[in-house]
Amino acid sequence: MSTEIRQYLGIAVAMEGNSGGYPHGERHALILYVAQEEGAEPDWDEAENIVLEKLWGNVRLRKTGVLAKNMDLQEPFLEMYTQAMEYGSALLIYTEVEDENT
């Protein structure tokens, strides 16, 4: 089986004990990388569950796409790619707080 990395973009709300230690209730943009079988359709439910497991709620994933294999990734995305290939997923939470209207 050949593996590819699917990227999801979205927003979620910090819950108590979240990865990153953000204050409860803050909204942050996120990027999620998920390893999947090459050519597979996006699994929005699985992606949302991965974010929820990291104690981020009210998850709204908006866009997805497969990363090109020849893409020249820079940090922190290269580390995320490596982590997703090894462990199945990698989550990046942006530090800037998002407005309620986004």
C-alpha atoms as a PDB file:
ATOM      1  CA  MET A   1       0.000   0.000   0.000  1.00  0.00           C
ATOM      2  CA  SER A   2       1.311   3.400  -0.958  1.00  0.00           C
ATOM      3  CA  THR A   3       0.659   6.251   1.466  1.00  0.00           C
ATOM      4  CA  GLU A   4      -0.021   9.920   0.862  1.00  0.00           C
ATOM      5  CA  ILE A   5      -0.610  12.857   3.194  1.00  0.00           C
ATOM      6  CA  ARG A   6      -3.925  14.683   3.135  1.00  0.00           C
ATOM      7  CA  GLN A   7      -4.037  18.197   4.561  1.00  0.00           C
ATOM      8  CA  TYR A   8      -7.126  19.658   6.245  1.00  0.00           C
ATOM      9  CA  LEU A   9      -7.547  23.350   7.072  1.00  0.00           C
ATOM     10  CA  GLY A  10      -9.973  24.573   9.680  1.00  0.00           C
ATOM     11  CA  ILE A  11     -10.751  26.206  13.001  1.00  0.00           C
ATOM     12  CA  ALA A  12     -11.379  24.731  16.441  1.00  0.00           C
ATOM     13  CA  VAL A  13     -12.047  25.882  19.995  1.00  0.00           C
ATOM     14  CA  ALA A  14      -9.605  25.081  22.795  1.00  0.00           C
ATOM     15  CA  MET A  15     -10.914  22.726  25.472  1.00  0.00           C
ATOM     16  CA  GLU A  16      -9.431  22.185  28.941  1.00  0.00           C
ATOM     17  CA  GLY A  17      -6.140  20.274  28.715  1.00  0.00           C
ATOM     18  CA  ASN A  18      -5.739  20.837  24.960  1.00  0.00           C
ATOM     19  CA  SER A  19      -2.507  20.124  23.163  1.00  0.00           C
ATOM     20  CA  GLY A  20      -0.627  23.403  23.245  1.00  0.00           C
ATOM     21  CA  GLY A  21      -2.060  24.648  26.536  1.00  0.00           C
ATOM     22  CA  TYR A  22      -4.254  27.359  25.010  1.00  0.00           C
ATOM     23  CA  PRO A  23      -6.930  28.967  27.222  1.00  0.00           C
ATOM     24  CA  HIS A  24     -10.296  27.205  27.207  1.00  0.00           C
ATOM     25  CA  GLY A  25     -12.701  28.760  24.709  1.00  0.00           C
ATOM     26  CA  GLU A  26     -10.146  30.386  22.399  1.00  0.00           C
ATOM     27  CA  ARG A  27     -10.662  29.793  18.661  1.00  0.00           C
ATOM     28  CA  HIS A  28      -7.611  28.986  16.568  1.00  0.00           C
ATOM     29  CA  ALA A  29      -6.902  28.113  12.957  1.00  0.00           C
ATOM     30  CA  LEU A  30      -5.379  24.691  12.393  1.00  0.00           C
ATOM     31  CA  ILE A  31      -3.712  22.483   9.846  1.00  0.00           C
ATOM     32  CA  LEU A  32      -4.040  18.722  10.134  1.00  0.00           C
ATOM     33  CA  TYR A  33      -1.978  16.214   8.159  1.00  0.00           C
ATOM     34  CA  VAL A  34      -3.389  12.687   7.942  1.00  0.00           C
ATOM     35  CA  ALA A  35      -1.690   9.680   6.348  1.00  0.00           C
ATOM     36  CA  GLN A  36      -4.035   7.751   4.080  1.00  0.00           C
ATOM     37  CA  GLU A  37      -3.933   5.163   1.342  1.00  0.00           C
ATOM     38  CA  GLU A  38      -2.986   6.772  -1.940  1.00  0.00           C
ATOM     39  CA  GLY A  39      -6.054   7.841  -3.911  1.00  0.00           C
ATOM     40  CA  ALA A  40      -8.447   7.589  -0.945  1.00  0.00           C
ATOM     41  CA  GLU A  41     -11.270  10.076  -0.597  1.00  0.00           C
ATOM     42  CA  PRO A  42     -11.126  12.527   2.328  1.00  0.00           C
ATOM     43  CA  ASP A  43     -12.454  11.142   5.600  1.00  0.00           C
ATOM     44  CA  TRP A  44     -13.864  14.267   7.235  1.00  0.00           C
ATOM     45  CA  ASP A  45     -15.168  12.352  10.272  1.00  0.00           C
ATOM     46  CA  GLU A  46     -11.795  10.752  10.978  1.00  0.00           C
ATOM     47  CA  ALA A  47     -10.072  14.125  10.627  1.00  0.00           C
ATOM     48  CA  GLU A  48     -12.516  15.764  13.033  1.00  0.00           C
ATOM     49  CA  ASN A  49     -12.053  12.930  15.547  1.00  0.00           C
ATOM     50  CA  ILE A  50      -8.272  13.358  15.453  1.00  0.00           C
ATOM     51  CA  VAL A  51      -8.667  17.040  16.358  1.00  0.00           C
ATOM     52  CA  LEU A  52     -11.222  16.219  19.074  1.00  0.00           C
ATOM     53  CA  GLU A  53      -8.815  13.674  20.613  1.00  0.00           C
ATOM     54  CA  LYS A  54      -6.319  16.524  21.082  1.00  0.00           C
ATOM     55  CA  LEU A  55      -8.994  18.343  23.133  1.00  0.00           C
ATOM     56  CA  TRP A  56     -10.072  20.839  20.513  1.00  0.00           C
ATOM     57  CA  GLY A  57     -13.828  21.192  20.098  1.00  0.00           C
ATOM     58  CA  ASN A  58     -16.338  22.805  17.761  1.00  0.00           C
ATOM     59  CA  VAL A  59     -14.119  21.657  14.901  1.00  0.00           C
ATOM     60  CA  ARG A  60     -14.861  23.215  11.525  1.00  0.00           C
ATOM     61  CA  LEU A  61     -12.749  21.739   8.760  1.00  0.00           C
ATOM     62  CA  ARG A  62     -13.136  23.785   5.599  1.00  0.00           C
ATOM     63  CA  LYS A  63     -10.670  22.639   2.963  1.00  0.00           C
ATOM     64  CA  THR A  64      -8.674  19.560   2.131  1.00  0.00           C
ATOM     65  CA  GLY A  65      -6.179  18.410  -0.433  1.00  0.00           C
ATOM     66  CA  VAL A  66      -3.409  15.902  -0.960  1.00  0.00           C
ATOM     67  CA  LEU A  67       0.164  17.112  -0.628  1.00  0.00           C
ATOM     68  CA  ALA A  68       2.206  16.613  -3.781  1.00  0.00           C
ATOM     69  CA  LYS A  69       4.950  14.035  -3.269  1.00  0.00           C
ATOM     70  CA  ASN A  70       7.571  16.331  -4.783  1.00  0.00           C
ATOM     71  CA  MET A  71       6.546  19.322  -2.658  1.00  0.00           C
ATOM     72  CA  ASP A  72       9.485  21.176  -1.078  1.00  0.00           C
ATOM     73  CA  LEU A  73       8.242  21.503   2.504  1.00  0.00           C
ATOM     74  CA  GLN A  74       9.818  23.870   5.005  1.00  0.00           C
ATOM     75  CA  GLU A  75       9.546  23.702   8.794  1.00  0.00           C
ATOM     76  CA  PRO A  76       7.233  23.208  10.582  1.00  0.00           C
ATOM     77  CA  PHE A  77       5.477  21.444   7.688  1.00  0.00           C
ATOM     78  CA  LEU A  78       8.358  19.067   6.992  1.00  0.00           C
ATOM     79  CA  GLU A  79       8.254  17.877  10.610  1.00  0.00           C
ATOM     80  CA  MET A  80       4.459  17.532  10.394  1.00  0.00           C
ATOM     81  CA  TYR A  81       4.799  15.450   7.228  1.00  0.00           C
ATOM     82  CA  THR A  82       7.329  13.153   8.903  1.00  0.00           C
ATOM     83  CA  GLN A  83       5.167  12.826  12.018  1.00  0.00           C
ATOM     84  CA  ALA A  84       2.049  12.033   9.979  1.00  0.00           C
ATOM     85  CA  MET A  85       3.888   9.368   7.990  1.00  0.00           C
ATOM     86  CA  GLU A  86       5.200   7.791  11.198  1.00  0.00           C
ATOM     87  CA  TYR A  87       2.201   8.164  13.536  1.00  0.00           C
ATOM     88  CA  GLY A  88      -0.739   8.672  11.177  1.00  0.00           C
ATOM     89  CA  SER A  89      -1.399  12.355  11.812  1.00  0.00           C
ATOM     90  CA  ALA A  90       0.069  15.687  12.857  1.00  0.00           C
ATOM     91  CA  LEU A  91      -1.753  18.784  14.101  1.00  0.00           C
ATOM     92  CA  LEU A  92      -0.572  22.394  13.954  1.00  0.00           C
ATOM     93  CA  ILE A  93      -2.514  25.019  15.909  1.00  0.00           C
ATOM     94  CA  TYR A  94      -1.817  28.633  14.991  1.00  0.00           C
ATOM     95  CA  THR A  95      -1.085  30.929  17.944  1.00  0.00           C
ATOM     96  CA  GLU A  96      -3.241  33.839  16.754  1.00  0.00           C
ATOM     97  CA  VAL A  97      -6.760  33.846  18.199  1.00  0.00           C
ATOM     98  CA  GLU A  98      -9.465  33.800  15.523  1.00  0.00           C
ATOM     99  CA  ASP A  99     -12.449  36.127  15.509  1.00  0.00           C
ATOM    100  CA  GLU A 100     -15.854  34.518  16.157  1.00  0.00           C
ATOM    101  CA  ASN A 101     -16.973  35.506  12.646  1.00  0.00           C
ATOM    102  CA  THR A 102     -14.314  33.491  10.800  1.00  0.00           C
END
